[in-house]
Protein backbone atom coordinates (compact mmCIF):
# COMPACT_ATOMS: atom_id res chain seq x y z
CA MET A 1 59.78 105.58 48.49
CA PHE A 2 61.17 108.31 45.90
CA ASN A 3 59.45 108.22 42.49
CA LYS A 4 61.97 107.99 39.34
CA LYS A 5 62.36 111.38 38.89
CA THR A 6 63.09 112.24 42.14
CA THR A 7 65.81 109.37 42.42
CA TYR A 8 67.07 110.80 38.99
CA LEU A 9 67.39 114.35 40.59
CA ILE A 10 69.31 112.77 43.74
CA LEU A 11 71.92 110.98 41.61
CA LEU A 12 72.31 114.09 39.61
CA LEU A 13 73.06 116.32 42.42
CA LEU A 14 75.23 113.60 44.03
CA SER A 15 77.33 113.78 40.55
CA SER A 16 77.61 117.23 40.39
CA LEU A 17 79.13 117.43 44.09
CA CYS A 18 81.49 114.49 43.19
CA PHE A 19 83.02 115.70 39.74
CA ASP A 20 83.63 119.27 38.57
CA SER A 21 83.80 119.32 34.62
CA ASN A 22 85.42 122.53 34.92
CA ALA A 23 88.40 121.62 36.88
CA LEU A 24 91.84 121.10 35.74
CA GLU A 25 92.33 117.19 36.19
CA VAL A 26 95.14 114.79 36.28
CA THR A 27 94.95 110.82 36.65
CA VAL A 28 97.48 108.28 37.62
CA ILE A 29 97.46 104.74 36.85
CA ASP A 30 100.14 102.09 37.65
CA HIS A 31 102.08 99.77 35.19
CA GLN A 32 98.66 97.36 35.39
CA GLY A 33 96.38 100.19 34.49
CA LYS A 34 95.34 100.31 38.07
CA PRO A 35 94.35 103.95 40.02
CA VAL A 36 97.27 105.25 42.39
CA ARG A 37 95.90 107.11 45.09
CA ASN A 38 97.28 109.80 47.49
CA VAL A 39 99.74 110.92 44.79
CA VAL A 40 100.52 114.69 45.02
CA VAL A 41 99.86 116.73 41.83
CA GLU A 42 101.31 120.27 41.40
CA TRP A 43 100.43 122.68 38.49
CA HIS A 44 103.39 125.14 37.82
CA LEU A 45 102.77 128.50 36.68
CA ASN A 46 104.86 130.18 33.95
CA GLU A 47 107.34 133.29 34.83
CA SER A 48 104.65 135.62 33.48
CA ALA A 49 101.95 134.22 35.38
CA LYS A 50 104.17 134.14 38.65
CA GLN A 51 104.92 137.81 38.23
CA LYS A 52 101.38 138.58 38.65
CA ARG A 53 100.74 137.08 41.50
CA PRO A 54 100.56 139.08 44.96
CA SER A 55 103.68 138.56 46.99
CA ASN A 56 102.34 138.86 50.38
CA LEU A 57 99.52 136.14 50.31
CA SER A 58 99.03 134.74 53.87
CA THR A 59 98.40 131.11 54.40
CA PRO A 60 96.69 129.55 57.51
CA THR A 61 98.63 127.34 59.91
CA ALA A 62 98.85 123.30 58.42
CA ILE A 63 98.54 120.63 61.00
CA MET A 64 100.79 117.69 61.05
CA ASP A 65 99.25 115.67 64.25
CA GLN A 66 100.83 112.62 65.76
CA ILE A 67 97.77 109.86 66.65
CA GLU A 68 98.52 106.37 67.93
CA GLU A 69 102.16 106.76 67.13
CA GLN A 70 101.78 107.93 63.71
CA PHE A 71 102.09 110.98 61.48
CA SER A 72 98.47 112.26 60.81
CA PRO A 73 98.00 112.80 57.75
CA HIS A 74 100.80 110.66 56.74
CA ILE A 75 101.69 113.23 53.74
CA LEU A 76 100.78 116.71 54.27
CA THR A 77 100.99 119.13 51.39
CA VAL A 78 101.51 122.62 51.73
CA GLU A 79 102.67 125.72 49.99
CA LYS A 80 106.17 127.23 50.67
CA GLY A 81 106.22 129.70 53.41
CA THR A 82 103.13 128.05 55.32
CA SER A 83 103.53 127.57 59.01
CA VAL A 84 103.08 123.94 60.38
CA SER A 85 101.97 122.90 64.00
CA PHE A 86 102.89 119.68 65.25
CA PRO A 87 100.54 118.77 68.15
CA ASN A 88 100.88 115.49 69.84
CA SER A 89 97.56 113.77 70.33
CA ASP A 90 98.84 110.67 71.97
CA ASN A 91 99.35 109.92 75.61
CA ILE A 92 103.16 109.76 75.38
CA LYS A 93 105.81 112.27 74.20
CA HIS A 94 107.35 112.39 70.93
CA HIS A 95 110.38 113.96 69.41
CA VAL A 96 109.79 115.20 66.01
CA TYR A 97 112.72 115.76 63.71
CA SER A 98 114.05 116.19 59.85
CA PHE A 99 117.32 116.43 58.32
CA SER A 100 115.61 116.96 54.71
CA GLU A 101 117.61 119.40 52.73
CA ALA A 102 114.12 121.47 52.12
CA LYS A 103 113.90 121.77 56.14
CA SER A 104 116.14 120.77 59.02
CA PHE A 105 114.37 120.96 62.33
CA GLU A 106 114.01 119.51 65.66
CA GLN A 107 110.99 119.50 67.94
CA GLY A 108 112.63 118.18 71.40
CA LEU A 109 110.54 115.81 73.57
CA TYR A 110 107.03 117.16 74.26
CA ALA A 111 103.29 116.32 74.86
CA GLY A 112 100.40 118.04 74.06
CA LYS A 113 100.65 121.35 72.22
CA GLN A 114 103.85 122.60 73.46
CA ALA A 115 105.81 122.30 70.40
CA PRO A 116 105.99 125.87 68.33
CA PRO A 117 104.90 125.89 64.71
CA ILE A 118 107.42 125.63 62.04
CA VAL A 119 107.84 127.84 58.91
CA PHE A 120 108.57 125.56 55.59
CA GLU A 121 110.09 128.55 53.32
CA ASN A 122 111.66 125.92 50.52
CA ALA A 123 109.80 124.05 48.07
CA GLY A 124 110.59 120.26 48.49
CA VAL A 125 110.31 117.27 50.29
CA VAL A 126 110.67 116.97 54.06
CA ASP A 127 110.77 113.70 55.62
CA LEU A 128 109.66 113.33 59.17
CA GLY A 129 110.72 111.06 62.00
CA CYS A 130 110.38 110.43 65.76
CA ASN A 131 113.72 109.85 67.64
CA ILE A 132 111.79 107.89 70.48
CA HIS A 133 109.55 105.81 68.04
CA ASP A 134 111.54 104.53 64.82
CA TRP A 135 108.60 103.25 63.16
CA MET A 136 107.10 106.75 62.87
CA LEU A 137 107.41 108.22 59.16
CA GLY A 138 105.61 110.95 57.76
CA TYR A 139 106.30 113.50 54.71
CA ILE A 140 105.68 117.31 54.09
CA TYR A 141 105.63 118.15 50.60
CA VAL A 142 106.18 121.75 50.14
CA ALA A 143 105.07 123.10 46.72
CA ASP A 144 106.37 125.91 44.80
CA THR A 145 102.57 127.04 44.09
CA PRO A 146 99.39 127.03 45.77
CA PHE A 147 97.78 125.01 43.21
CA PHE A 148 98.18 121.13 44.03
CA SER A 149 96.00 118.39 44.92
CA LYS A 150 95.99 114.63 45.90
CA THR A 151 94.71 111.66 43.70
CA ASN A 152 91.59 109.95 45.19
CA GLU A 153 90.78 106.39 45.26
CA ASN A 154 90.12 106.47 41.32
CA GLY A 155 93.43 108.00 40.99
CA ILE A 156 92.18 111.25 39.97
CA ALA A 157 93.20 114.89 41.45
CA GLN A 158 91.08 117.95 40.52
CA LEU A 159 91.90 121.62 40.76
CA GLN A 160 89.18 124.06 40.55
CA ASN A 161 90.02 125.84 37.11
CA THR A 162 90.80 129.35 37.89
CA LEU A 163 94.05 129.34 35.94
CA GLU A 164 94.22 130.31 32.07
CA ASN A 165 95.86 127.23 30.41
CA LYS A 166 98.35 129.55 29.09
CA HIS A 167 99.62 130.54 32.31
CA VAL A 168 100.27 126.59 33.24
CA LYS A 169 103.52 125.72 32.33
CA SER A 170 104.05 121.98 33.61
CA VAL A 171 102.61 119.34 35.95
CA THR A 172 104.28 117.38 38.57
CA ILE A 173 103.47 114.40 40.64
CA TRP A 174 104.94 112.92 43.90
CA HIS A 175 104.78 109.97 45.58
CA PRO A 176 107.08 108.63 48.16
CA ARG A 177 106.99 104.94 47.00
CA MET A 178 106.98 105.49 43.23
CA GLN A 179 109.73 103.23 41.66
CA GLU A 180 110.29 105.31 38.62
CA ASN A 181 113.57 106.67 37.73
CA GLU A 182 112.48 109.89 40.00
CA ILE A 183 109.84 109.84 42.60
CA ARG A 184 109.03 113.33 41.28
CA ILE A 185 107.82 113.06 37.51
CA GLU A 186 107.23 116.52 35.63
CA GLN A 187 105.35 116.87 32.29
CA LYS A 188 104.48 119.78 30.20
CA PHE A 189 101.17 120.93 30.48
CA THR A 190 99.09 119.31 27.75
CA GLY A 191 95.57 120.68 28.77
CA ASP A 192 92.74 120.46 31.04
CA LYS A 193 93.04 117.03 31.65
CA MET A 194 96.08 115.12 31.62
CA ARG A 195 97.18 111.25 32.39
CA PHE A 196 100.39 109.69 34.12
CA GLU A 197 101.06 106.18 33.44
CA LEU A 198 103.84 104.55 35.74
CA SER A 199 105.84 101.91 34.32
CA LYS A 200 106.46 100.38 37.66
CA PRO A 201 103.97 99.34 40.60
CA ILE A 202 104.24 101.42 43.81
CA ARG A 203 106.56 99.85 46.18
CA GLU A 204 105.25 98.11 49.20
CA ASP A 205 106.19 99.14 52.84
CA ALA A 206 108.21 96.59 55.10
CA GLU A 207 104.81 95.10 56.12
CA GLY A 208 103.61 94.76 52.53
CA TYR A 209 100.66 97.21 52.63
CA GLU A 210 100.35 100.36 50.33
CA ASP A 211 99.52 102.63 53.16
CA LEU A 212 101.61 103.17 56.46
CA SER A 213 99.08 105.37 58.08
CA ILE A 214 95.88 104.64 59.99
CA ASP A 215 94.05 107.34 57.65
CA GLY A 216 95.49 106.21 54.45
CA TYR A 217 97.52 109.51 54.04
């Protein structure tokens, strides 16, 4: 059995692993004050900071898998210019497509890892579907910056504070089922810890569940 001192040290260590006091932090709550999870949060740089960034940064290939006839993850967040691979981990074929303004493409009927990666050059939201399975729905959020995160079950998104506050212009939140006037809300950057309060609940899907995917985004 651990003594009280050892137990305290363990709890302190776990606390430090779960929370970074030096991080930029955004909290999103709904109209009832409840936390909203899986909200994409994006920190935007001002023009002077953008000009200082190297233009030849490379990003690893991201993965949008297909598992048990669902896109996994349900929401994938990448920086613009990132290549995304669409492996099919099911034992049936899929036909992935999008007609979104940010990226329109089509991956013909295929199985396994036959589909080539696709580069997402433009910022925006890309809705994904499957021509074979109408219920399959996924999203790729293409960010204009490498500084993004998603809220956890407590409605909190954190970003390691590698930015100076003077370089951050604004913060955007996005969720496919927000019922505000816009599903993408942008606010002026007001400091290391910001709070978004939604005026309406997150819209449920047709089955009445908040999450569409097995992995909960």
